Structure formats: structure tokens, C-alpha cells
């Protein structure tokens, strides 16, 4: 895990993405999670690139797939690279 230097909210996103716990933790569902994440990104509290770098070193395919799904749904998100969604 390459979580050193991540912010608390970034770690929380990674933990939610690790499995399908986000379905229990987020009352209003996936759209609410996407909207909350987009607001946090816009405010500078969550850095998508830092999440991608950390996810790249994770074993969990579910985490990488869920994170990829989340990030591509963010407005104006453009990945600086393409590894996370390849599910090595």
C-alpha cells in the first residue's frame, strides 16, 4: 500500500472502493457518492491522481474497478494515464 501522504478523505474513498461497502455506507447510493467526491475534488480535498497512484499498488481488483468507475464519472476528470482500469 502506498498510502503515505494521502489525506484522510482519500483513504476513506479507497476503503469504500475496496469492496461494495459503499452501498451500505452511502445512504443515497452511487450518485450521492459521485457528487460528494466531485465536490471534494473541486475543493482540493481529494486528489484523483494520488488515488490512482495508490490504487496502482493495491492488490484488490474490486478497489481498482470501483475507483475507476468513480473517477470516470467525475465531471472533467481526465486520467493522466490508463493503468487502473486494466485490472491486471
Protein backbone atom coordinates (compact mmCIF):
# COMPACT_ATOMS: atom_id res chain seq x y z
CA UNK A 1 0.00 0.00 0.00
CA UNK A 2 1.25 3.43 -0.93
CA UNK A 3 -0.97 5.41 1.39
CA UNK A 4 1.76 7.52 2.92
CA UNK A 5 0.93 11.11 2.13
CA UNK A 6 -2.75 10.52 1.40
CA UNK A 7 -5.33 12.72 3.07
CA UNK A 8 -7.98 11.25 5.37
CA UNK A 9 -10.76 11.67 2.82
CA UNK A 10 -8.62 9.98 0.16
CA UNK A 11 -8.06 6.99 2.44
CA UNK A 12 -11.79 6.88 3.16
CA UNK A 13 -12.55 6.75 -0.57
CA UNK A 14 -10.08 3.89 -1.05
CA UNK A 15 -11.64 1.93 1.81
CA UNK A 16 -15.13 2.43 0.40
CA UNK A 17 -13.90 1.25 -3.01
CA UNK A 18 -12.21 -1.87 -1.63
CA UNK A 19 -15.46 -3.83 -1.77
CA UNK A 20 -19.12 -2.98 -2.04
CA UNK A 21 -19.33 -1.36 1.42
CA UNK A 22 -20.12 1.96 -0.24
CA UNK A 23 -23.63 0.55 -0.81
CA UNK A 24 -24.14 0.39 2.96
CA UNK A 25 -22.17 3.50 3.91
CA UNK A 26 -23.75 5.88 1.38
CA UNK A 27 -27.47 6.21 2.05
CA UNK A 28 -28.35 7.93 -1.22
CA UNK A 29 -26.41 5.48 -3.40
CA UNK A 30 -23.79 5.80 -6.11
CA UNK A 31 -24.91 9.21 -7.47
CA UNK A 32 -24.51 10.73 -4.00
CA UNK A 33 -21.02 9.25 -3.69
CA UNK A 34 -20.04 10.64 -7.09
CA UNK A 35 -21.44 14.09 -6.19
CA UNK A 36 -19.71 14.18 -2.79
CA UNK A 37 -16.43 13.10 -4.35
CA UNK A 38 -16.75 15.70 -7.11
CA UNK A 39 -17.30 18.43 -4.51
CA UNK A 40 -14.27 17.25 -2.51
CA UNK A 41 -12.13 17.21 -5.67
CA UNK A 42 -13.30 20.72 -6.61
CA UNK A 43 -12.46 21.92 -3.10
CA UNK A 44 -8.98 20.37 -3.32
CA UNK A 45 -9.57 17.88 -0.51
CA UNK A 46 -9.30 14.81 -2.77
CA UNK A 47 -6.62 14.41 -5.46
CA UNK A 48 -7.65 11.91 -8.14
CA UNK A 49 -4.05 11.44 -9.27
CA UNK A 50 -2.99 10.50 -5.73
CA UNK A 51 -5.82 7.96 -5.59
CA UNK A 52 -4.77 6.48 -8.93
CA UNK A 53 -1.15 6.17 -7.82
CA UNK A 54 -2.16 4.43 -4.62
CA UNK A 55 -4.67 2.14 -6.35
CA UNK A 56 -1.99 1.12 -8.81
CA UNK A 57 -0.16 -0.60 -5.95
CA UNK A 58 -3.24 -2.28 -4.47
CA UNK A 59 -3.97 -5.98 -4.99
CA UNK A 60 -7.71 -5.55 -4.84
CA UNK A 61 -9.23 -5.70 -8.31
CA UNK A 62 -12.51 -4.55 -6.80
CA UNK A 63 -10.88 -1.40 -5.42
CA UNK A 64 -9.33 -0.56 -8.76
CA UNK A 65 -12.55 -1.25 -10.68
CA UNK A 66 -14.73 0.75 -8.28
CA UNK A 67 -12.24 3.64 -8.21
CA UNK A 68 -12.04 3.69 -12.00
CA UNK A 69 -15.83 3.76 -12.20
CA UNK A 70 -15.96 6.62 -9.67
CA UNK A 71 -13.26 8.72 -11.31
CA UNK A 72 -14.61 8.45 -14.85
CA UNK A 73 -17.97 9.71 -13.60
CA UNK A 74 -16.42 12.87 -12.13
CA UNK A 75 -17.01 15.99 -14.22
CA UNK A 76 -13.97 17.00 -16.27
CA UNK A 77 -11.80 14.13 -15.00
CA UNK A 78 -9.09 13.09 -17.39
CA UNK A 79 -6.74 10.34 -16.33
CA UNK A 80 -3.08 11.21 -16.75
CA UNK A 81 -2.59 7.55 -17.62
CA UNK A 82 -4.63 4.42 -18.10
CA UNK A 83 -3.46 1.59 -15.76
CA UNK A 84 -6.16 1.36 -13.13
CA UNK A 85 -8.92 0.20 -15.38
CA UNK A 86 -6.87 -2.56 -16.98
CA UNK A 87 -7.34 -4.91 -13.98
CA UNK A 88 -4.01 -6.59 -14.21
